[in-house]
Structures are given as structure tokens and as C-alpha cells.
Amino acid sequence: MTRSALSLTVDAQALAEVVAAHLPAAAPLTAVPAAADERPAPEALAVVATCAGSPGATFVLVAETVVADLTAAGVAAGTPVAVADALRPALEAAADGLGTLDAVRTESAGTALQGDTTVYALQADGETLAWFGVRVTQTHVPAQAGGRVPTQRTNMRVLYDVEMTLTVELGRTRLPLRDVLDLAPGAVLELDRAASSPADILVNGRLIARGEVVVVDEDYGVRITQIVSGQEGEA
């Protein structure tokens, strides 16, 4: 896939700039398209994340040196922080508005940056401190004449017994890593919604409904008050 083809579905430059802005570097980083022969050392540690959406994408971030101070501080405090965890906020920022960030793993940069990956050098004062790559893993299905989207005929009954994960979400918040490391029993986290707001009900990370939290036989439950439309669930 060429960069021009990638730009039809994912704005790779914008994603790289978001990642650069969210990395804890000592100086502001700028995302610069990397030439074909410009790559990190093949043995460098790469954090790879899959973003489930339409289109979906795979992110590759090589920035171990940028978070070296954070990981060292975690070790000194007795709460080691993995490189993947230190870089996850930057990857989540890139996924925001595109889809849901799924599994995060580590592998060598030489393996992670193979294939149709658009690569950016993240630089400060002309010096490359990190690398970011993105490749599309799922694209929109083109509509046929009349606006219909082609579908594959299948018997849905064979899927009826497939179990799916349902999650009830009361709210979210974002914290700097330093505040996360300072968390202790008794700490109170303020979420991003009022106490009277309904909870979100998600299936495999996708919003499908909203409801009220209730108690059922001393266990928590949720009473559905709204079914979310397909477009709103993707937002």
C-alpha cells in the first residue's frame, strides 16, 4: 500500500503528530516522513498496538529511550513500569476518534516495521528520538449501486452460542503517569460524568446501550434505558 492509498483511509501524518505530542520527551517532537532507508535498528524494542475500527490500523512505536527516565523512576520507586505501559497513552491518543485500542505487545522493530507500514521519524532539533509507523489493517467496504453494501450470505444461527464480553462503564479519566504511580488505597478518582448520568453498556468494546446501575440480590446489575444506534455506537 502506498502512502497515497493510505491517506484515503487514515491520516498517517496527523496520527504521527498526535503521538509525538503525547510522548514524554524533554523537547517538543516533530513528525517527519522517513525515507525508505531510514529505520530504527532492527533489534530495537517496538511497541505494537492494534486499533479496531473502520478502518482499522496497526501502530508501531519505537521510543524506549524517550521513556527511559520514567521506567527508571518506576524501578527506583519499587513499582517497575514496562515500556509498553509507558507508551500506551500516546498510542491511545492516536486511536482516539479512529477506533478502540486492543492488544498491545512488544517485538523487534525489524519485524514490526515490515510490510506496508508508513514510517515517521519523531525528531527534536533535527535529531531522531523515536519512530512511529502505521498501516491499515481494515478498510471500508465500497457500496454498490443504490447505496447497498455487499454482504456475505451466512447462517447466523451458527453464531448464537458465541460468548461476547459485556462491560458496564461508569466513566473515564486520564492521569499523568506520575499520578498513577502515586495511587494508594483511599485515593479518589473523579470520572468524566455526573453521578446522575447513565452508564455505558459495551459489547466487545462497542457501545450498544445505556442504563441505570441497580442492585440485584446483593450484586450489581444494570437496567437498560436506551439502545444506541449503530452510528452513535461507532462515535
C-alpha atoms as a PDB file:
ATOM      1  CA  MET A   1       0.000   0.000   0.000  1.00  0.00           C
ATOM      2  CA  THR A   2       1.430   3.374  -0.983  1.00  0.00           C
ATOM      3  CA  ARG A   3       1.208   6.498   1.126  1.00  0.00           C
ATOM      4  CA  SER A   4      -1.383   7.947  -1.256  1.00  0.00           C
ATOM      5  CA  ALA A   5      -3.577   4.866  -0.777  1.00  0.00           C
ATOM      6  CA  LEU A   6      -3.110   5.025   2.983  1.00  0.00           C
ATOM      7  CA  SER A   7      -4.169   8.668   3.076  1.00  0.00           C
ATOM      8  CA  LEU A   8      -7.570   7.719   1.637  1.00  0.00           C
ATOM      9  CA  THR A   9      -8.472   5.920   4.847  1.00  0.00           C
ATOM     10  CA  VAL A  10      -6.136   7.091   7.622  1.00  0.00           C
ATOM     11  CA  ASP A  11      -4.350  10.437   8.024  1.00  0.00           C
ATOM     12  CA  ALA A  12      -0.987   8.940   8.972  1.00  0.00           C
ATOM     13  CA  GLN A  13       0.724  12.327   9.320  1.00  0.00           C
ATOM     14  CA  ALA A  14      -1.919  13.514  11.788  1.00  0.00           C
ATOM     15  CA  LEU A  15      -1.596  10.303  13.816  1.00  0.00           C
ATOM     16  CA  ALA A  16       2.185  10.673  13.947  1.00  0.00           C
ATOM     17  CA  GLU A  17       1.834  14.265  15.161  1.00  0.00           C
ATOM     18  CA  VAL A  18      -0.582  13.173  17.899  1.00  0.00           C
ATOM     19  CA  VAL A  19       1.862  10.502  19.082  1.00  0.00           C
ATOM     20  CA  ALA A  20       4.741  12.997  19.012  1.00  0.00           C
ATOM     21  CA  ALA A  21       2.726  15.454  21.130  1.00  0.00           C
ATOM     22  CA  HIS A  22       1.921  12.808  23.760  1.00  0.00           C
ATOM     23  CA  LEU A  23       5.389  11.348  24.223  1.00  0.00           C
ATOM     24  CA  PRO A  24       7.131  12.489  27.439  1.00  0.00           C
ATOM     25  CA  ALA A  25      10.177  13.864  25.631  1.00  0.00           C
ATOM     26  CA  ALA A  26      12.367  16.606  27.102  1.00  0.00           C
ATOM     27  CA  ALA A  27      11.805  18.751  23.988  1.00  0.00           C
ATOM     28  CA  PRO A  28       8.823  19.008  21.600  1.00  0.00           C
ATOM     29  CA  LEU A  29       8.881  16.358  18.882  1.00  0.00           C
ATOM     30  CA  THR A  30       8.082  16.819  15.203  1.00  0.00           C
ATOM     31  CA  ALA A  31       6.849  14.017  12.930  1.00  0.00           C
ATOM     32  CA  VAL A  32       8.861  13.811   9.698  1.00  0.00           C
ATOM     33  CA  PRO A  33       8.151  11.217   6.963  1.00  0.00           C
ATOM     34  CA  ALA A  34      11.029   8.742   6.931  1.00  0.00           C
ATOM     35  CA  ALA A  35      12.778   7.713   3.736  1.00  0.00           C
ATOM     36  CA  ALA A  36      12.730   4.040   2.765  1.00  0.00           C
ATOM     37  CA  ASP A  37      16.261   3.533   4.100  1.00  0.00           C
ATOM     38  CA  GLU A  38      15.600   5.399   7.370  1.00  0.00           C
ATOM     39  CA  ARG A  39      14.590   2.937  10.052  1.00  0.00           C
ATOM     40  CA  PRO A  40      15.482   2.196  13.691  1.00  0.00           C
ATOM     41  CA  ALA A  41      17.912  -0.613  14.458  1.00  0.00           C
ATOM     42  CA  PRO A  42      16.220  -3.953  13.667  1.00  0.00           C
ATOM     43  CA  GLU A  43      16.824  -5.192  17.216  1.00  0.00           C
ATOM     44  CA  ALA A  44      15.274  -2.085  18.839  1.00  0.00           C
ATOM     45  CA  LEU A  45      12.222  -2.677  21.040  1.00  0.00           C
ATOM     46  CA  ALA A  46       8.960  -1.782  19.295  1.00  0.00           C
ATOM     47  CA  VAL A  47       5.562  -1.462  20.962  1.00  0.00           C
ATOM     48  CA  VAL A  48       2.836  -2.659  18.590  1.00  0.00           C
ATOM     49  CA  ALA A  49      -0.864  -1.908  19.093  1.00  0.00           C
ATOM     50  CA  THR A  50      -3.939  -2.832  17.086  1.00  0.00           C
ATOM     51  CA  CYS A  51      -6.688  -0.249  16.668  1.00  0.00           C
ATOM     52  CA  ALA A  52     -10.053  -1.881  15.960  1.00  0.00           C
ATOM     53  CA  GLY A  53     -12.229   0.393  13.860  1.00  0.00           C
ATOM     54  CA  SER A  54     -13.365   1.086  10.337  1.00  0.00           C
ATOM     55  CA  PRO A  55     -10.769   1.463   9.018  1.00  0.00           C
ATOM     56  CA  GLY A  56      -8.609  -0.422  11.487  1.00  0.00           C
ATOM     57  CA  ALA A  57      -4.894   0.149  11.842  1.00  0.00           C
ATOM     58  CA  THR A  58      -1.751  -1.212  13.451  1.00  0.00           C
ATOM     59  CA  PHE A  59       0.525   1.247  15.253  1.00  0.00           C
ATOM     60  CA  VAL A  60       4.246   0.681  15.789  1.00  0.00           C
ATOM     61  CA  LEU A  61       6.123   2.904  18.241  1.00  0.00           C
ATOM     62  CA  VAL A  62       9.871   2.695  18.866  1.00  0.00           C
ATOM     63  CA  ALA A  63      10.594   5.107  21.714  1.00  0.00           C
ATOM     64  CA  GLU A  64      12.311   3.204  24.512  1.00  0.00           C
ATOM     65  CA  THR A  65      14.898   5.948  25.060  1.00  0.00           C
ATOM     66  CA  VAL A  66      12.198   8.636  25.347  1.00  0.00           C
ATOM     67  CA  VAL A  67      10.604   6.906  28.350  1.00  0.00           C
ATOM     68  CA  ALA A  68      13.887   5.758  29.905  1.00  0.00           C
ATOM     69  CA  ASP A  69      13.578   8.292  32.743  1.00  0.00           C
ATOM     70  CA  LEU A  70      10.017   7.177  33.517  1.00  0.00           C
ATOM     71  CA  THR A  71      10.877   3.490  33.586  1.00  0.00           C
ATOM     72  CA  ALA A  72      13.954   4.196  35.725  1.00  0.00           C
ATOM     73  CA  ALA A  73      11.834   6.243  38.150  1.00  0.00           C
ATOM     74  CA  GLY A  74       9.385   3.370  38.426  1.00  0.00           C
ATOM     75  CA  VAL A  75      12.173   0.942  39.275  1.00  0.00           C
ATOM     76  CA  ALA A  76      13.570   3.353  41.872  1.00  0.00           C
ATOM     77  CA  ALA A  77      10.111   3.699  43.443  1.00  0.00           C
ATOM     78  CA  GLY A  78       9.665  -0.065  43.613  1.00  0.00           C
ATOM     79  CA  THR A  79       6.879  -0.020  41.007  1.00  0.00           C
ATOM     80  CA  PRO A  80       8.509  -1.001  37.694  1.00  0.00           C
ATOM     81  CA  VAL A  81       6.793   0.351  34.586  1.00  0.00           C
ATOM     82  CA  ALA A  82       7.010  -1.652  31.365  1.00  0.00           C
ATOM     83  CA  VAL A  83       7.937   0.242  28.209  1.00  0.00           C
ATOM     84  CA  ALA A  84       4.623  -0.801  26.635  1.00  0.00           C
ATOM     85  CA  ASP A  85       2.685   0.701  29.561  1.00  0.00           C
ATOM     86  CA  ALA A  86       4.709   3.921  29.438  1.00  0.00           C
ATOM     87  CA  LEU A  87       3.999   4.350  25.711  1.00  0.00           C
ATOM     88  CA  ARG A  88       0.354   3.256  25.790  1.00  0.00           C
ATOM     89  CA  PRO A  89      -1.062   6.775  26.498  1.00  0.00           C
ATOM     90  CA  ALA A  90       0.489   8.071  23.264  1.00  0.00           C
ATOM     91  CA  LEU A  91      -0.973   5.145  21.316  1.00  0.00           C
ATOM     92  CA  GLU A  92      -4.386   5.644  22.935  1.00  0.00           C
ATOM     93  CA  ALA A  93      -4.298   9.297  21.905  1.00  0.00           C
ATOM     94  CA  ALA A  94      -3.660   8.233  18.298  1.00  0.00           C
ATOM     95  CA  ALA A  95      -6.532   5.733  18.448  1.00  0.00           C
ATOM     96  CA  ASP A  96      -8.958   8.322  19.844  1.00  0.00           C
ATOM     97  CA  GLY A  97     -11.556   9.020  17.160  1.00  0.00           C
ATOM     98  CA  LEU A  98     -10.308   6.166  14.971  1.00  0.00           C
ATOM     99  CA  GLY A  99     -11.341   3.131  16.994  1.00  0.00           C
ATOM    100  CA  THR A 100     -10.633   1.093  20.115  1.00  0.00           C
ATOM    101  CA  LEU A 101      -7.073   0.237  21.073  1.00  0.00           C
ATOM    102  CA  ASP A 102      -6.899  -3.512  21.554  1.00  0.00           C
ATOM    103  CA  ALA A 103      -3.922  -5.695  22.384  1.00  0.00           C
ATOM    104  CA  VAL A 104      -0.524  -4.062  22.953  1.00  0.00           C
ATOM    105  CA  ARG A 105       2.593  -6.185  22.528  1.00  0.00           C
ATOM    106  CA  THR A 106       6.338  -5.788  22.044  1.00  0.00           C
ATOM    107  CA  GLU A 107       8.549  -7.173  19.299  1.00  0.00           C
ATOM    108  CA  SER A 108      11.660  -6.192  17.393  1.00  0.00           C
ATOM    109  CA  ALA A 109      11.487  -3.086  15.221  1.00  0.00           C
ATOM    110  CA  GLY A 110      12.779  -5.054  12.249  1.00  0.00           C
ATOM    111  CA  THR A 111       9.778  -7.372  12.446  1.00  0.00           C
ATOM    112  CA  ALA A 112       7.180  -4.762  13.389  1.00  0.00           C
ATOM    113  CA  LEU A 113       8.002  -2.309  10.582  1.00  0.00           C
ATOM    114  CA  GLN A 114       7.851  -4.809   7.741  1.00  0.00           C
ATOM    115  CA  GLY A 115       5.177  -4.699   5.055  1.00  0.00           C
ATOM    116  CA  ASP A 116       3.089  -1.712   4.016  1.00  0.00           C
ATOM    117  CA  THR A 117       3.970   0.451   7.006  1.00  0.00           C
ATOM    118  CA  THR A 118       4.193   4.227   6.663  1.00  0.00           C
ATOM    119  CA  VAL A 119       7.035   5.323   8.955  1.00  0.00           C
ATOM    120  CA  TYR A 120       7.741   8.693  10.576  1.00  0.00           C
ATOM    121  CA  ALA A 121      10.834   9.869  12.410  1.00  0.00           C
ATOM    122  CA  LEU A 122       9.930  11.775  15.583  1.00  0.00           C
ATOM    123  CA  GLN A 123      12.587  14.442  15.884  1.00  0.00           C
ATOM    124  CA  ALA A 124      13.686  17.185  18.269  1.00  0.00           C
ATOM    125  CA  ASP A 125      16.038  19.820  16.852  1.00  0.00           C
ATOM    126  CA  GLY A 126      16.721  17.591  13.854  1.00  0.00           C
ATOM    127  CA  GLU A 127      17.674  14.562  15.966  1.00  0.00           C
ATOM    128  CA  THR A 128      15.524  11.435  15.700  1.00  0.00           C
ATOM    129  CA  LEU A 129      14.479  10.296  19.178  1.00  0.00           C
ATOM    130  CA  ALA A 130      11.679   7.892  18.260  1.00  0.00           C
ATOM    131  CA  TRP A 131       9.901   6.222  15.345  1.00  0.00           C
ATOM    132  CA  PHE A 132       6.207   5.780  14.606  1.00  0.00           C
ATOM    133  CA  GLY A 133       4.686   3.526  11.969  1.00  0.00           C
ATOM    134  CA  VAL A 134       1.081   2.924  10.899  1.00  0.00           C
ATOM    135  CA  ARG A 135      -0.530   0.521   8.464  1.00  0.00           C
ATOM    136  CA  VAL A 136      -4.174  -0.037   7.600  1.00  0.00           C
ATOM    137  CA  THR A 137      -5.495  -3.477   8.523  1.00  0.00           C
ATOM    138  CA  GLN A 138      -9.153  -2.983   7.560  1.00  0.00           C
ATOM    139  CA  THR A 139     -10.773  -0.622   5.087  1.00  0.00           C
ATOM    140  CA  HIS A 140     -14.315   0.480   4.363  1.00  0.00           C
ATOM    141  CA  VAL A 141     -16.309  -1.865   2.122  1.00  0.00           C
ATOM    142  CA  PRO A 142     -17.351   0.041  -1.021  1.00  0.00           C
ATOM    143  CA  ALA A 143     -21.080   0.427  -1.534  1.00  0.00           C
ATOM    144  CA  GLN A 144     -22.743  -0.983  -4.624  1.00  0.00           C
ATOM    145  CA  ALA A 145     -25.159   0.898  -6.858  1.00  0.00           C
ATOM    146  CA  GLY A 146     -28.143   2.116  -4.879  1.00  0.00           C
ATOM    147  CA  GLY A 147     -26.068   2.539  -1.706  1.00  0.00           C
ATOM    148  CA  ARG A 148     -26.181  -1.146  -0.722  1.00  0.00           C
ATOM    149  CA  VAL A 149     -23.108  -2.657   0.897  1.00  0.00           C
ATOM    150  CA  PRO A 150     -22.265  -6.178  -0.316  1.00  0.00           C
ATOM    151  CA  THR A 151     -22.737  -8.793   2.387  1.00  0.00           C
ATOM    152  CA  GLN A 152     -21.704 -12.425   2.641  1.00  0.00           C
ATOM    153  CA  ARG A 153     -24.626 -14.814   2.958  1.00  0.00           C
ATOM    154  CA  THR A 154     -24.274 -16.928   6.058  1.00  0.00           C
ATOM    155  CA  ASN A 155     -26.408 -18.741   8.580  1.00  0.00           C
ATOM    156  CA  MET A 156     -26.290 -16.576  11.701  1.00  0.00           C
ATOM    157  CA  ARG A 157     -27.608 -19.419  13.823  1.00  0.00           C
ATOM    158  CA  VAL A 158     -24.140 -20.963  13.977  1.00  0.00           C
ATOM    159  CA  LEU A 159     -23.014 -17.854  15.900  1.00  0.00           C
ATOM    160  CA  TYR A 160     -25.789 -17.815  18.507  1.00  0.00           C
ATOM    161  CA  ASP A 161     -23.704 -19.649  21.127  1.00  0.00           C
ATOM    162  CA  VAL A 162     -20.623 -17.444  20.707  1.00  0.00           C
ATOM    163  CA  GLU A 163     -19.965 -15.653  24.006  1.00  0.00           C
ATOM    164  CA  MET A 164     -19.199 -11.927  23.927  1.00  0.00           C
ATOM    165  CA  THR A 165     -17.807  -9.703  26.672  1.00  0.00           C
ATOM    166  CA  LEU A 166     -20.302  -7.143  28.003  1.00  0.00           C
ATOM    167  CA  THR A 167     -18.881  -4.251  30.017  1.00  0.00           C
ATOM    168  CA  VAL A 168     -20.680  -1.559  32.021  1.00  0.00           C
ATOM    169  CA  GLU A 169     -18.649   1.652  32.144  1.00  0.00           C
ATOM    170  CA  LEU A 170     -19.391   4.347  34.729  1.00  0.00           C
ATOM    171  CA  GLY A 171     -16.890   6.832  33.354  1.00  0.00           C
ATOM    172  CA  ARG A 172     -13.278   7.505  32.481  1.00  0.00           C
ATOM    173  CA  THR A 173     -10.431   9.790  33.431  1.00  0.00           C
ATOM    174  CA  ARG A 174      -6.866  10.426  32.286  1.00  0.00           C
ATOM    175  CA  LEU A 175      -3.895  10.748  34.616  1.00  0.00           C
ATOM    176  CA  PRO A 176      -0.219  11.512  34.067  1.00  0.00           C
ATOM    177  CA  LEU A 177       1.991   8.519  34.755  1.00  0.00           C
ATOM    178  CA  ARG A 178       3.419  10.232  37.848  1.00  0.00           C
ATOM    179  CA  ASP A 179      -0.081  10.387  39.385  1.00  0.00           C
ATOM    180  CA  VAL A 180      -0.724   6.739  38.516  1.00  0.00           C
ATOM    181  CA  LEU A 181       2.470   5.757  40.328  1.00  0.00           C
ATOM    182  CA  ASP A 182       1.296   7.745  43.379  1.00  0.00           C
ATOM    183  CA  LEU A 183      -2.054   5.926  43.648  1.00  0.00           C
ATOM    184  CA  ALA A 184      -2.683   4.284  47.012  1.00  0.00           C
ATOM    185  CA  PRO A 185      -5.630   2.795  48.922  1.00  0.00           C
ATOM    186  CA  GLY A 186      -8.058   5.573  49.821  1.00  0.00           C
ATOM    187  CA  ALA A 187      -7.352   7.684  46.732  1.00  0.00           C
ATOM    188  CA  VAL A 188     -10.469   9.051  44.998  1.00  0.00           C
ATOM    189  CA  LEU A 189     -10.560   9.392  41.218  1.00  0.00           C
ATOM    190  CA  GLU A 190     -13.018  11.840  39.648  1.00  0.00           C
ATOM    191  CA  LEU A 191     -14.613  10.477  36.475  1.00  0.00           C
ATOM    192  CA  ASP A 192     -15.767  12.404  33.414  1.00  0.00           C
ATOM    193  CA  ARG A 193     -19.518  12.253  34.046  1.00  0.00           C
ATOM    194  CA  ALA A 194     -22.081  13.271  36.651  1.00  0.00           C
ATOM    195  CA  ALA A 195     -23.390  10.807  39.229  1.00  0.00           C
ATOM    196  CA  SER A 196     -26.868  11.029  37.669  1.00  0.00           C
ATOM    197  CA  SER A 197     -25.629  10.150  34.176  1.00  0.00           C
ATOM    198  CA  PRO A 198     -26.426   6.689  32.770  1.00  0.00           C
ATOM    199  CA  ALA A 199     -23.711   4.068  32.478  1.00  0.00           C
ATOM    200  CA  ASP A 200     -22.439   2.945  29.071  1.00  0.00           C
ATOM    201  CA  ILE A 201     -23.016  -0.691  28.098  1.00  0.00           C
ATOM    202  CA  LEU A 202     -20.422  -2.057  25.686  1.00  0.00           C
ATOM    203  CA  VAL A 203     -20.101  -5.383  23.886  1.00  0.00           C
ATOM    204  CA  ASN A 204     -16.517  -6.211  22.943  1.00  0.00           C
ATOM    205  CA  GLY A 205     -15.666  -2.529  23.398  1.00  0.00           C
ATOM    206  CA  ARG A 206     -18.534  -1.221  21.218  1.00  0.00           C
ATOM    207  CA  LEU A 207     -21.240   0.990  22.746  1.00  0.00           C
ATOM    208  CA  ILE A 208     -24.673  -0.634  22.305  1.00  0.00           C
ATOM    209  CA  ALA A 209     -26.835   0.787  25.102  1.00  0.00           C
ATOM    210  CA  ARG A 210     -27.052   2.927  28.245  1.00  0.00           C
ATOM    211  CA  GLY A 211     -28.653   2.142  31.560  1.00  0.00           C
ATOM    212  CA  GLU A 212     -29.020   2.656  35.308  1.00  0.00           C
ATOM    213  CA  VAL A 213     -26.884   0.773  37.817  1.00  0.00           C
ATOM    214  CA  VAL A 214     -29.052  -1.302  40.185  1.00  0.00           C
ATOM    215  CA  VAL A 215     -28.546  -3.938  42.882  1.00  0.00           C
ATOM    216  CA  VAL A 216     -29.781  -7.483  42.214  1.00  0.00           C
ATOM    217  CA  ASP A 217     -29.516  -9.942  45.117  1.00  0.00           C
ATOM    218  CA  GLU A 218     -26.548  -8.040  46.591  1.00  0.00           C
ATOM    219  CA  ASP A 219     -24.809  -7.952  43.203  1.00  0.00           C
ATOM    220  CA  TYR A 220     -24.550  -5.006  40.858  1.00  0.00           C
ATOM    221  CA  GLY A 221     -26.727  -5.014  37.757  1.00  0.00           C
ATOM    222  CA  VAL A 222     -27.823  -2.574  35.085  1.00  0.00           C
ATOM    223  CA  ARG A 223     -31.303  -1.652  33.859  1.00  0.00           C
ATOM    224  CA  ILE A 224     -31.214  -0.732  30.169  1.00  0.00           C
ATOM    225  CA  THR A 225     -32.810   2.642  29.463  1.00  0.00           C
ATOM    226  CA  GLN A 226     -31.611   3.318  25.913  1.00  0.00           C
ATOM    227  CA  ILE A 227     -30.489   1.283  22.905  1.00  0.00           C
ATOM    228  CA  VAL A 228     -27.788   3.134  20.988  1.00  0.00           C
ATOM    229  CA  SER A 229     -27.975   3.418  17.205  1.00  0.00           C
ATOM    230  CA  GLY A 230     -25.192   1.959  15.081  1.00  0.00           C
ATOM    231  CA  GLN A 231     -23.717   5.341  14.111  1.00  0.00           C
ATOM    232  CA  GLU A 232     -23.719   6.614  17.698  1.00  0.00           C
ATOM    233  CA  GLY A 233     -22.081   3.402  18.892  1.00  0.00           C
ATOM    234  CA  GLU A 234     -19.197   3.950  16.465  1.00  0.00           C
ATOM    235  CA  ALA A 235     -18.657   7.552  17.592  1.00  0.00           C
END
